[in-house]
N, C-alpha and C. Protein backbone atom coordinates (compact mmCIF):
# COMPACT_ATOMS: atom_id res chain seq x y z
N MET A 1 4.96 19.08 -27.98
CA MET A 1 3.54 19.65 -27.86
C MET A 1 2.68 19.14 -28.93
N LYS A 2 3.24 19.07 -30.09
CA LYS A 2 2.25 18.65 -31.15
C LYS A 2 1.85 17.14 -31.03
N LEU A 3 2.89 16.36 -30.53
CA LEU A 3 2.59 14.96 -30.34
C LEU A 3 1.62 14.69 -29.22
N ARG A 4 1.65 15.59 -28.19
CA ARG A 4 0.62 15.44 -27.11
C ARG A 4 -0.70 15.70 -27.66
N LEU A 5 -0.87 16.72 -28.54
CA LEU A 5 -2.08 17.13 -29.16
C LEU A 5 -2.60 16.06 -30.00
N ILE A 6 -1.81 15.44 -30.75
CA ILE A 6 -2.19 14.27 -31.58
C ILE A 6 -2.63 13.12 -30.75
N CYS A 7 -1.92 12.79 -29.71
CA CYS A 7 -2.34 11.65 -28.81
C CYS A 7 -3.62 11.94 -28.14
N LEU A 8 -3.85 13.23 -27.87
CA LEU A 8 -5.09 13.60 -27.09
C LEU A 8 -6.21 13.42 -28.20
N LEU A 9 -6.05 14.00 -29.36
CA LEU A 9 -7.10 13.85 -30.42
C LEU A 9 -7.36 12.35 -30.71
N VAL A 10 -6.31 11.57 -30.85
CA VAL A 10 -6.53 10.18 -31.07
C VAL A 10 -7.31 9.46 -29.94
N SER A 11 -6.93 9.74 -28.77
CA SER A 11 -7.71 9.00 -27.59
C SER A 11 -9.08 9.52 -27.53
N CYS A 12 -9.36 10.82 -27.79
CA CYS A 12 -10.71 11.42 -27.75
C CYS A 12 -11.51 10.93 -28.82
N CYS A 13 -10.93 10.64 -29.91
CA CYS A 13 -11.74 10.23 -31.09
C CYS A 13 -12.00 8.68 -30.99
N LEU A 14 -11.09 7.96 -30.50
CA LEU A 14 -11.20 6.51 -30.49
C LEU A 14 -12.14 6.05 -29.53
N VAL A 15 -12.31 6.71 -28.36
CA VAL A 15 -13.13 6.25 -27.25
C VAL A 15 -14.57 6.14 -27.76
N PRO A 16 -15.16 7.21 -28.43
CA PRO A 16 -16.49 7.09 -28.89
C PRO A 16 -16.50 6.04 -30.04
N LEU A 17 -15.49 5.75 -30.67
CA LEU A 17 -15.62 4.78 -31.81
C LEU A 17 -15.37 3.35 -31.43
N ALA A 18 -15.16 3.18 -30.11
CA ALA A 18 -14.93 1.85 -29.62
C ALA A 18 -15.85 0.79 -29.98
N GLY A 19 -17.26 1.17 -30.22
CA GLY A 19 -18.15 0.24 -30.72
C GLY A 19 -18.45 0.25 -32.18
N ALA A 20 -17.75 1.20 -32.97
CA ALA A 20 -17.97 1.31 -34.37
C ALA A 20 -17.30 0.16 -35.03
N ASP A 21 -17.84 -0.14 -36.19
CA ASP A 21 -17.35 -1.27 -37.06
C ASP A 21 -16.14 -0.89 -37.71
N THR A 22 -16.14 0.28 -38.39
CA THR A 22 -14.89 0.67 -39.17
C THR A 22 -14.50 2.00 -38.72
N VAL A 23 -13.20 2.38 -38.68
CA VAL A 23 -12.55 3.61 -38.33
C VAL A 23 -11.86 4.17 -39.55
N TYR A 24 -12.02 5.52 -39.78
CA TYR A 24 -11.47 6.08 -40.88
C TYR A 24 -10.46 7.15 -40.45
N ARG A 25 -9.37 7.34 -41.16
CA ARG A 25 -8.31 8.21 -40.80
C ARG A 25 -8.05 9.26 -41.87
N SER A 26 -7.85 10.54 -41.50
CA SER A 26 -7.51 11.57 -42.54
C SER A 26 -6.69 12.59 -41.85
N VAL A 27 -6.02 13.45 -42.63
CA VAL A 27 -5.09 14.45 -42.25
C VAL A 27 -5.54 15.79 -42.72
N ASP A 28 -5.82 16.74 -41.75
CA ASP A 28 -6.36 18.05 -42.35
C ASP A 28 -5.26 18.97 -42.88
N ALA A 29 -5.57 20.15 -43.26
CA ALA A 29 -4.66 21.06 -43.84
C ALA A 29 -3.52 21.49 -42.95
N GLN A 30 -3.66 21.51 -41.65
CA GLN A 30 -2.71 21.78 -40.67
C GLN A 30 -1.89 20.53 -40.27
N GLY A 31 -2.10 19.45 -40.81
CA GLY A 31 -1.30 18.20 -40.49
C GLY A 31 -1.87 17.50 -39.35
N ASN A 32 -3.04 17.82 -38.83
CA ASN A 32 -3.68 17.05 -37.74
C ASN A 32 -4.29 15.88 -38.19
N VAL A 33 -4.06 14.73 -37.40
CA VAL A 33 -4.64 13.44 -37.80
C VAL A 33 -6.04 13.32 -37.30
N ILE A 34 -7.03 13.01 -38.10
CA ILE A 34 -8.42 12.85 -37.60
C ILE A 34 -8.92 11.42 -37.78
N PHE A 35 -9.58 10.97 -36.65
CA PHE A 35 -10.13 9.61 -36.75
C PHE A 35 -11.74 9.77 -36.68
N THR A 36 -12.41 9.04 -37.53
CA THR A 36 -13.92 9.20 -37.53
C THR A 36 -14.49 7.95 -38.01
N ASP A 37 -15.82 7.89 -37.86
CA ASP A 37 -16.64 6.73 -38.33
C ASP A 37 -17.27 7.18 -39.62
N ASN A 38 -16.99 8.27 -40.23
CA ASN A 38 -17.57 8.78 -41.43
C ASN A 38 -16.75 8.27 -42.64
N PRO A 39 -17.24 7.45 -43.46
CA PRO A 39 -16.38 6.93 -44.58
C PRO A 39 -16.09 8.08 -45.59
N ASP A 40 -16.75 9.13 -45.67
CA ASP A 40 -16.47 10.26 -46.60
C ASP A 40 -15.32 11.04 -46.07
N ARG A 41 -14.76 10.86 -44.86
CA ARG A 41 -13.80 11.72 -44.34
C ARG A 41 -12.36 11.04 -44.23
N GLY A 42 -12.18 9.89 -44.80
CA GLY A 42 -10.83 9.30 -44.81
C GLY A 42 -10.79 7.87 -45.29
N ASP A 43 -9.55 7.36 -45.09
CA ASP A 43 -9.28 5.97 -45.47
C ASP A 43 -9.51 5.00 -44.22
N PRO A 44 -10.02 3.83 -44.55
CA PRO A 44 -10.30 2.85 -43.38
C PRO A 44 -8.98 2.45 -42.73
N VAL A 45 -9.11 2.25 -41.43
CA VAL A 45 -7.84 1.93 -40.56
C VAL A 45 -8.23 0.56 -39.87
N GLU A 46 -7.32 -0.31 -39.89
CA GLU A 46 -7.43 -1.52 -39.08
C GLU A 46 -7.18 -1.33 -37.66
N VAL A 47 -8.19 -1.52 -36.76
CA VAL A 47 -8.01 -1.19 -35.28
C VAL A 47 -8.10 -2.55 -34.65
N ALA A 48 -7.09 -2.88 -33.87
CA ALA A 48 -7.15 -4.19 -33.13
C ALA A 48 -8.21 -4.11 -32.05
N PRO A 49 -8.80 -5.24 -31.69
CA PRO A 49 -9.81 -5.24 -30.67
C PRO A 49 -9.16 -4.70 -29.30
N LEU A 50 -9.99 -3.99 -28.54
CA LEU A 50 -9.45 -3.58 -27.22
C LEU A 50 -9.62 -4.71 -26.16
N THR A 51 -8.52 -4.84 -25.46
CA THR A 51 -8.49 -5.81 -24.34
C THR A 51 -9.20 -5.08 -23.10
N VAL A 52 -10.22 -5.76 -22.56
CA VAL A 52 -10.87 -5.21 -21.32
C VAL A 52 -10.59 -6.11 -20.16
N VAL A 53 -9.98 -5.58 -19.19
CA VAL A 53 -9.72 -6.28 -17.99
C VAL A 53 -10.69 -5.89 -16.89
N PRO A 54 -11.53 -6.76 -16.38
CA PRO A 54 -12.39 -6.20 -15.39
C PRO A 54 -11.67 -5.82 -14.06
N SER A 55 -12.24 -4.95 -13.41
CA SER A 55 -11.68 -4.52 -12.13
C SER A 55 -11.92 -5.54 -11.12
N ARG A 56 -10.95 -5.60 -10.14
CA ARG A 56 -11.13 -6.41 -9.03
C ARG A 56 -12.04 -5.83 -8.00
N THR A 57 -13.03 -6.65 -7.63
CA THR A 57 -14.01 -6.09 -6.69
C THR A 57 -13.56 -6.55 -5.27
N LEU A 58 -13.44 -5.57 -4.48
CA LEU A 58 -13.15 -5.81 -3.02
C LEU A 58 -14.34 -5.95 -2.20
N THR A 59 -14.47 -7.05 -1.43
CA THR A 59 -15.59 -7.19 -0.55
C THR A 59 -15.28 -6.44 0.82
N PRO A 60 -16.11 -5.62 1.23
CA PRO A 60 -15.75 -4.96 2.47
C PRO A 60 -15.68 -5.78 3.64
N ALA A 61 -14.86 -5.58 4.57
CA ALA A 61 -14.78 -6.29 5.87
C ALA A 61 -16.10 -6.21 6.61
N PRO A 62 -16.62 -7.26 7.14
CA PRO A 62 -17.90 -7.10 7.96
C PRO A 62 -17.61 -6.14 9.10
N ALA A 63 -18.62 -5.31 9.31
CA ALA A 63 -18.59 -4.31 10.41
C ALA A 63 -18.70 -5.04 11.70
N ALA A 64 -17.92 -4.64 12.70
CA ALA A 64 -18.08 -5.24 14.08
C ALA A 64 -19.20 -4.59 14.69
N ALA A 65 -19.90 -5.30 15.52
CA ALA A 65 -21.13 -4.88 16.14
C ALA A 65 -20.73 -3.71 17.16
N ALA A 66 -19.68 -3.88 17.89
CA ALA A 66 -19.18 -2.82 18.74
C ALA A 66 -17.70 -2.70 18.62
N PRO A 67 -17.18 -1.41 18.70
CA PRO A 67 -15.72 -1.26 18.62
C PRO A 67 -14.94 -2.17 19.67
N ALA A 68 -13.82 -2.62 19.22
CA ALA A 68 -13.03 -3.46 20.17
C ALA A 68 -12.55 -2.54 21.31
N PRO A 69 -12.54 -3.03 22.52
CA PRO A 69 -12.04 -2.15 23.59
C PRO A 69 -10.49 -1.99 23.50
N ARG A 70 -10.09 -0.81 23.97
CA ARG A 70 -8.64 -0.42 23.81
C ARG A 70 -8.05 -1.21 25.03
N ARG A 71 -6.86 -1.88 24.65
CA ARG A 71 -6.15 -2.62 25.69
C ARG A 71 -4.80 -1.94 25.92
N PRO A 72 -4.12 -2.24 27.01
CA PRO A 72 -2.76 -1.72 27.15
C PRO A 72 -1.85 -2.28 26.09
N ALA A 73 -0.82 -1.35 25.69
CA ALA A 73 0.02 -1.71 24.57
C ALA A 73 0.99 -2.85 24.96
N THR A 74 1.16 -3.16 26.20
CA THR A 74 2.23 -4.14 26.58
C THR A 74 1.78 -5.54 26.38
N GLY A 75 0.46 -5.80 26.35
CA GLY A 75 0.00 -7.21 26.27
C GLY A 75 -0.54 -7.37 24.83
N SER A 76 -0.70 -8.71 24.43
CA SER A 76 -1.28 -8.86 23.06
C SER A 76 -2.82 -9.07 23.33
N LEU A 77 -3.53 -8.68 22.21
CA LEU A 77 -4.97 -8.92 22.31
C LEU A 77 -5.38 -10.34 22.20
N ALA A 78 -6.15 -10.80 23.14
CA ALA A 78 -6.67 -12.15 23.11
C ALA A 78 -7.97 -12.06 22.28
N SER A 79 -7.84 -12.66 21.05
CA SER A 79 -9.01 -12.58 20.16
C SER A 79 -9.01 -13.72 19.18
N PRO A 80 -10.13 -14.26 18.90
CA PRO A 80 -10.18 -15.42 17.98
C PRO A 80 -9.99 -14.80 16.55
N PHE A 81 -9.95 -13.49 16.34
CA PHE A 81 -9.79 -12.93 15.08
C PHE A 81 -8.45 -13.33 14.39
N MET A 82 -7.49 -13.45 15.06
CA MET A 82 -6.06 -13.57 14.46
C MET A 82 -6.01 -14.52 13.41
N PRO A 83 -6.01 -14.04 12.04
CA PRO A 83 -5.94 -14.91 10.93
C PRO A 83 -4.55 -15.26 10.50
N TYR A 84 -3.48 -14.90 11.39
CA TYR A 84 -2.16 -15.23 11.03
C TYR A 84 -1.44 -16.20 11.92
N SER A 85 -0.73 -17.10 11.37
CA SER A 85 -0.06 -17.95 12.26
C SER A 85 1.18 -17.35 12.98
N THR A 86 1.64 -16.39 12.24
CA THR A 86 2.86 -15.55 12.74
C THR A 86 2.57 -14.18 12.60
N PHE A 87 2.84 -13.39 13.64
CA PHE A 87 2.75 -11.91 13.69
C PHE A 87 3.69 -11.47 14.80
N ARG A 88 4.98 -11.10 14.31
CA ARG A 88 5.96 -10.69 15.36
C ARG A 88 6.94 -9.97 14.65
N ILE A 89 7.74 -9.20 15.49
CA ILE A 89 8.87 -8.39 14.97
C ILE A 89 10.08 -9.38 14.96
N MET A 90 10.62 -9.54 13.70
CA MET A 90 11.77 -10.46 13.50
C MET A 90 13.16 -9.71 13.58
N ASN A 91 13.15 -8.49 13.33
CA ASN A 91 14.37 -7.66 13.20
C ASN A 91 14.01 -6.27 13.69
N PRO A 92 14.69 -5.74 14.63
CA PRO A 92 15.78 -6.28 15.37
C PRO A 92 15.28 -7.33 16.36
N ARG A 93 16.29 -8.07 16.80
CA ARG A 93 15.97 -9.22 17.80
C ARG A 93 15.76 -8.55 19.20
N ASP A 94 14.93 -9.41 20.01
CA ASP A 94 14.73 -9.00 21.38
C ASP A 94 15.99 -8.95 22.11
N ALA A 95 16.21 -8.03 23.02
CA ALA A 95 17.35 -7.83 23.92
C ALA A 95 18.68 -7.39 23.05
N MET A 96 18.45 -6.93 21.93
CA MET A 96 19.60 -6.56 21.13
C MET A 96 20.13 -5.12 21.65
N THR A 97 21.48 -4.90 21.56
CA THR A 97 22.05 -3.64 21.79
C THR A 97 22.50 -3.06 20.60
N LEU A 98 22.21 -1.76 20.41
CA LEU A 98 22.50 -1.03 19.24
C LEU A 98 23.29 0.12 19.60
N SER A 99 24.28 0.56 18.68
CA SER A 99 25.00 1.74 18.98
C SER A 99 24.12 2.88 18.51
N GLN A 100 24.44 4.03 18.91
CA GLN A 100 23.64 5.14 18.58
C GLN A 100 23.64 5.43 17.06
N ALA A 101 24.71 5.16 16.44
CA ALA A 101 24.79 5.24 14.95
C ALA A 101 23.87 4.25 14.28
N ARG A 102 23.91 2.95 14.79
CA ARG A 102 23.10 1.99 14.24
C ARG A 102 21.62 2.14 14.42
N SER A 103 21.27 2.92 15.43
CA SER A 103 19.86 3.20 15.73
C SER A 103 19.25 4.27 14.88
N GLN A 104 20.10 4.93 14.00
CA GLN A 104 19.61 5.88 13.07
C GLN A 104 19.07 5.14 11.73
N ASN A 105 17.76 5.50 11.34
CA ASN A 105 17.12 4.81 10.29
C ASN A 105 17.07 3.29 10.45
N LEU A 106 16.70 2.92 11.64
CA LEU A 106 16.59 1.42 12.00
C LEU A 106 15.39 0.81 11.20
N THR A 107 15.79 -0.34 10.55
CA THR A 107 14.73 -1.05 9.85
C THR A 107 14.09 -2.04 10.79
N VAL A 108 12.82 -1.88 10.92
CA VAL A 108 12.06 -2.90 11.82
C VAL A 108 11.34 -3.78 10.85
N GLU A 109 11.58 -5.15 10.92
CA GLU A 109 10.92 -5.95 9.98
C GLU A 109 10.00 -6.96 10.66
N LEU A 110 8.83 -7.24 10.11
CA LEU A 110 7.80 -8.07 10.69
C LEU A 110 7.75 -9.47 10.06
N ALA A 111 7.51 -10.46 10.77
CA ALA A 111 7.29 -11.83 10.18
C ALA A 111 5.70 -11.90 10.28
N ILE A 112 5.13 -11.98 9.15
CA ILE A 112 3.61 -12.16 9.03
C ILE A 112 3.27 -13.31 8.10
N GLU A 113 2.71 -14.35 8.69
CA GLU A 113 2.33 -15.56 7.86
C GLU A 113 0.89 -15.93 8.13
N PRO A 114 0.02 -16.22 7.17
CA PRO A 114 0.45 -15.97 5.67
C PRO A 114 0.42 -14.45 5.47
N GLY A 115 0.61 -14.13 4.23
CA GLY A 115 0.86 -12.75 3.85
C GLY A 115 -0.38 -11.76 4.35
N LEU A 116 -0.02 -10.57 4.56
CA LEU A 116 -0.84 -9.53 5.03
C LEU A 116 -2.07 -9.44 4.06
N ARG A 117 -3.27 -9.53 4.57
CA ARG A 117 -4.55 -9.38 3.74
C ARG A 117 -4.49 -7.98 3.23
N ASP A 118 -5.22 -7.80 2.01
CA ASP A 118 -5.26 -6.51 1.37
C ASP A 118 -5.95 -5.42 2.35
N ASP A 119 -6.96 -5.85 3.09
CA ASP A 119 -7.64 -4.79 3.90
C ASP A 119 -7.05 -4.61 5.34
N HIS A 120 -5.89 -5.29 5.59
CA HIS A 120 -5.29 -5.08 6.89
C HIS A 120 -4.02 -4.14 6.71
N ARG A 121 -3.79 -3.35 7.89
CA ARG A 121 -2.63 -2.59 8.01
C ARG A 121 -1.87 -2.84 9.23
N VAL A 122 -0.69 -2.43 9.31
CA VAL A 122 0.20 -2.58 10.49
C VAL A 122 0.82 -1.26 10.82
N ARG A 123 0.88 -0.96 12.11
CA ARG A 123 1.60 0.24 12.60
C ARG A 123 2.55 -0.13 13.69
N LEU A 124 3.51 0.72 13.97
CA LEU A 124 4.64 0.46 14.89
C LEU A 124 4.49 1.44 16.07
N LEU A 125 4.74 0.83 17.23
CA LEU A 125 4.78 1.55 18.49
C LEU A 125 6.15 1.55 19.03
N VAL A 126 6.63 2.67 19.53
CA VAL A 126 7.91 2.72 20.19
C VAL A 126 7.67 3.14 21.65
N ASP A 127 7.96 2.48 22.69
CA ASP A 127 7.60 2.76 24.02
C ASP A 127 6.20 3.14 24.25
N GLY A 128 5.31 2.39 23.56
CA GLY A 128 3.87 2.52 23.66
C GLY A 128 3.27 3.65 22.92
N GLU A 129 4.05 4.48 22.20
CA GLU A 129 3.65 5.59 21.53
C GLU A 129 3.62 5.34 20.01
N LEU A 130 2.70 5.83 19.23
CA LEU A 130 2.65 5.63 17.80
C LEU A 130 3.94 6.26 17.17
N SER A 131 4.69 5.30 16.44
CA SER A 131 5.92 5.79 15.81
C SER A 131 5.72 5.85 14.33
N GLN A 132 5.03 4.81 13.80
CA GLN A 132 4.68 4.84 12.33
C GLN A 132 3.24 4.57 12.10
N SER A 133 2.54 5.34 11.33
CA SER A 133 1.20 5.17 11.03
C SER A 133 0.87 3.87 10.25
N ALA A 134 -0.35 3.50 10.21
CA ALA A 134 -0.81 2.19 9.67
C ALA A 134 -0.58 2.15 8.13
N MET A 135 0.09 1.11 7.77
CA MET A 135 0.51 0.94 6.38
C MET A 135 0.26 -0.55 6.07
N HIS A 136 0.20 -0.88 4.74
CA HIS A 136 0.19 -2.26 4.31
C HIS A 136 1.60 -2.61 3.98
N THR A 137 2.39 -3.04 4.99
CA THR A 137 3.81 -3.26 4.85
C THR A 137 4.22 -4.29 5.94
N ARG A 138 5.37 -4.84 5.69
CA ARG A 138 6.14 -5.72 6.68
C ARG A 138 7.32 -5.03 7.28
N ALA A 139 7.66 -3.83 6.84
CA ALA A 139 8.85 -3.17 7.32
C ALA A 139 8.67 -1.69 7.50
N PHE A 140 9.29 -1.16 8.55
CA PHE A 140 9.29 0.27 8.90
C PHE A 140 10.63 0.77 9.11
N ILE A 141 10.81 2.06 8.80
CA ILE A 141 12.11 2.67 9.12
C ILE A 141 11.92 3.65 10.29
N VAL A 142 12.63 3.46 11.44
CA VAL A 142 12.45 4.36 12.56
C VAL A 142 13.68 5.29 12.32
N PRO A 143 13.43 6.62 12.20
CA PRO A 143 14.48 7.57 12.00
C PRO A 143 15.48 7.69 12.95
N ARG A 144 15.16 7.66 14.27
CA ARG A 144 16.04 7.86 15.34
C ARG A 144 15.52 7.36 16.57
N LEU A 145 16.19 6.48 17.28
CA LEU A 145 15.82 6.00 18.63
C LEU A 145 16.75 6.72 19.56
N GLU A 146 16.09 7.18 20.64
CA GLU A 146 16.90 7.87 21.67
C GLU A 146 17.69 6.79 22.53
N PRO A 147 18.81 7.08 23.13
CA PRO A 147 19.57 6.32 23.98
C PRO A 147 18.73 5.69 25.09
N GLY A 148 18.95 4.48 25.55
CA GLY A 148 18.25 3.86 26.61
C GLY A 148 17.52 2.61 26.11
N ARG A 149 16.71 2.04 26.87
CA ARG A 149 15.93 0.94 26.64
C ARG A 149 14.66 1.25 25.92
N ARG A 150 14.38 0.69 24.79
CA ARG A 150 13.19 1.00 23.92
C ARG A 150 12.42 -0.27 23.69
N ILE A 151 11.15 -0.06 23.72
CA ILE A 151 10.18 -1.25 23.55
C ILE A 151 9.49 -1.07 22.30
N LEU A 152 9.60 -2.01 21.31
CA LEU A 152 8.95 -1.94 20.03
C LEU A 152 7.85 -2.94 19.98
N GLN A 153 6.71 -2.56 19.28
CA GLN A 153 5.70 -3.44 19.20
C GLN A 153 4.85 -3.17 17.97
N ALA A 154 4.33 -4.11 17.24
CA ALA A 154 3.54 -3.82 16.07
C ALA A 154 2.12 -4.12 16.42
N GLU A 155 1.09 -3.36 15.73
CA GLU A 155 -0.17 -3.53 15.93
C GLU A 155 -0.92 -3.87 14.58
N LEU A 156 -1.80 -4.79 14.60
CA LEU A 156 -2.50 -5.26 13.33
C LEU A 156 -3.97 -4.55 13.34
N LEU A 157 -4.17 -3.86 12.33
CA LEU A 157 -5.48 -3.17 12.16
C LEU A 157 -6.34 -3.78 11.15
N ASP A 158 -7.65 -3.96 11.39
CA ASP A 158 -8.42 -4.49 10.40
C ASP A 158 -8.85 -3.46 9.40
N GLY A 159 -9.79 -3.84 8.45
CA GLY A 159 -10.32 -3.05 7.42
C GLY A 159 -11.01 -1.69 8.02
N ALA A 160 -11.54 -1.77 9.18
CA ALA A 160 -12.23 -0.69 9.80
C ALA A 160 -11.27 0.21 10.66
N GLY A 161 -10.03 -0.17 10.75
CA GLY A 161 -8.97 0.65 11.43
C GLY A 161 -9.00 0.21 12.96
N GLN A 162 -9.56 -0.87 13.33
CA GLN A 162 -9.61 -1.30 14.76
C GLN A 162 -8.39 -2.14 15.00
N VAL A 163 -7.70 -1.93 16.08
CA VAL A 163 -6.61 -2.76 16.55
C VAL A 163 -7.10 -4.26 16.88
N ARG A 164 -6.61 -5.17 16.20
CA ARG A 164 -7.12 -6.61 16.30
C ARG A 164 -6.16 -7.50 16.98
N HIS A 165 -4.84 -7.10 16.96
CA HIS A 165 -3.76 -7.92 17.48
C HIS A 165 -2.52 -7.10 17.73
N ARG A 166 -1.74 -7.50 18.64
CA ARG A 166 -0.43 -6.87 18.79
C ARG A 166 0.63 -7.89 18.94
N SER A 167 1.82 -7.58 18.35
CA SER A 167 3.00 -8.47 18.45
C SER A 167 3.46 -8.52 19.83
N PRO A 168 4.23 -9.70 20.23
CA PRO A 168 4.85 -9.58 21.51
C PRO A 168 5.91 -8.46 21.37
N PRO A 169 6.05 -7.66 22.53
CA PRO A 169 6.95 -6.54 22.52
C PRO A 169 8.41 -7.05 22.51
N ILE A 170 9.35 -6.26 21.93
CA ILE A 170 10.70 -6.53 22.05
C ILE A 170 11.35 -5.38 22.53
N THR A 171 12.47 -5.54 23.34
CA THR A 171 13.29 -4.52 23.87
C THR A 171 14.58 -4.42 23.30
N VAL A 172 15.02 -3.28 22.86
CA VAL A 172 16.38 -2.96 22.34
C VAL A 172 16.98 -1.88 23.30
N SER A 173 18.24 -1.95 23.33
CA SER A 173 18.99 -1.05 24.07
C SER A 173 19.85 -0.20 23.18
N VAL A 174 19.66 1.15 23.24
CA VAL A 174 20.43 2.05 22.44
C VAL A 174 21.54 2.67 23.31
N GLN A 175 22.72 2.47 22.89
CA GLN A 175 23.88 3.06 23.70
C GLN A 175 24.01 4.52 23.28
N ALA A 176 24.47 5.31 24.41
CA ALA A 176 24.83 6.65 24.15
C ALA A 176 26.11 6.72 23.44
N ARG A 177 26.57 7.82 22.85
CA ARG A 177 27.81 7.78 22.16
C ARG A 177 29.01 7.45 22.90
N GLY A 178 29.14 7.72 24.17
CA GLY A 178 30.12 7.40 25.10
C GLY A 178 30.27 5.97 25.59
N ASP A 179 29.08 5.26 25.40
CA ASP A 179 29.06 3.84 26.01
C ASP A 179 29.77 2.86 25.23
């Protein structure tokens, strides 16, 4: 607890002194360390210059004039927007058969080339329904697929949250326990 208090005092004292030429250190009667710019209050301390790293500025994505029309989940969006040479589900493979046990916590991996832009997100659809919300990722975990034929598809969302592209759908068959 005492160490936290000292760290807090040090950080509170050094912030206003960042522009000061000399910093002085003293210890009061209770053992608290005090930093000041007053030469009458302590001994000079050598302070290394602070390294300042400028923050990265993100340029907002240009706003579309009108929202993109919603298209059926089975086709891919025909759009000149597609900034990726590859956008597809690479695992599991199309027409793959999975045991019910293997369909638990199934990892769905995407091939996206070049890498996913910072302002883009991907979400996963199972049988045309949203399975995984939009994230900046190339992999999703599907907790449980019901037995039968399941269609998996990924959607690419731009910085405004608009669907700009869909992967080709893949079909996996999940066997029931007795199959």
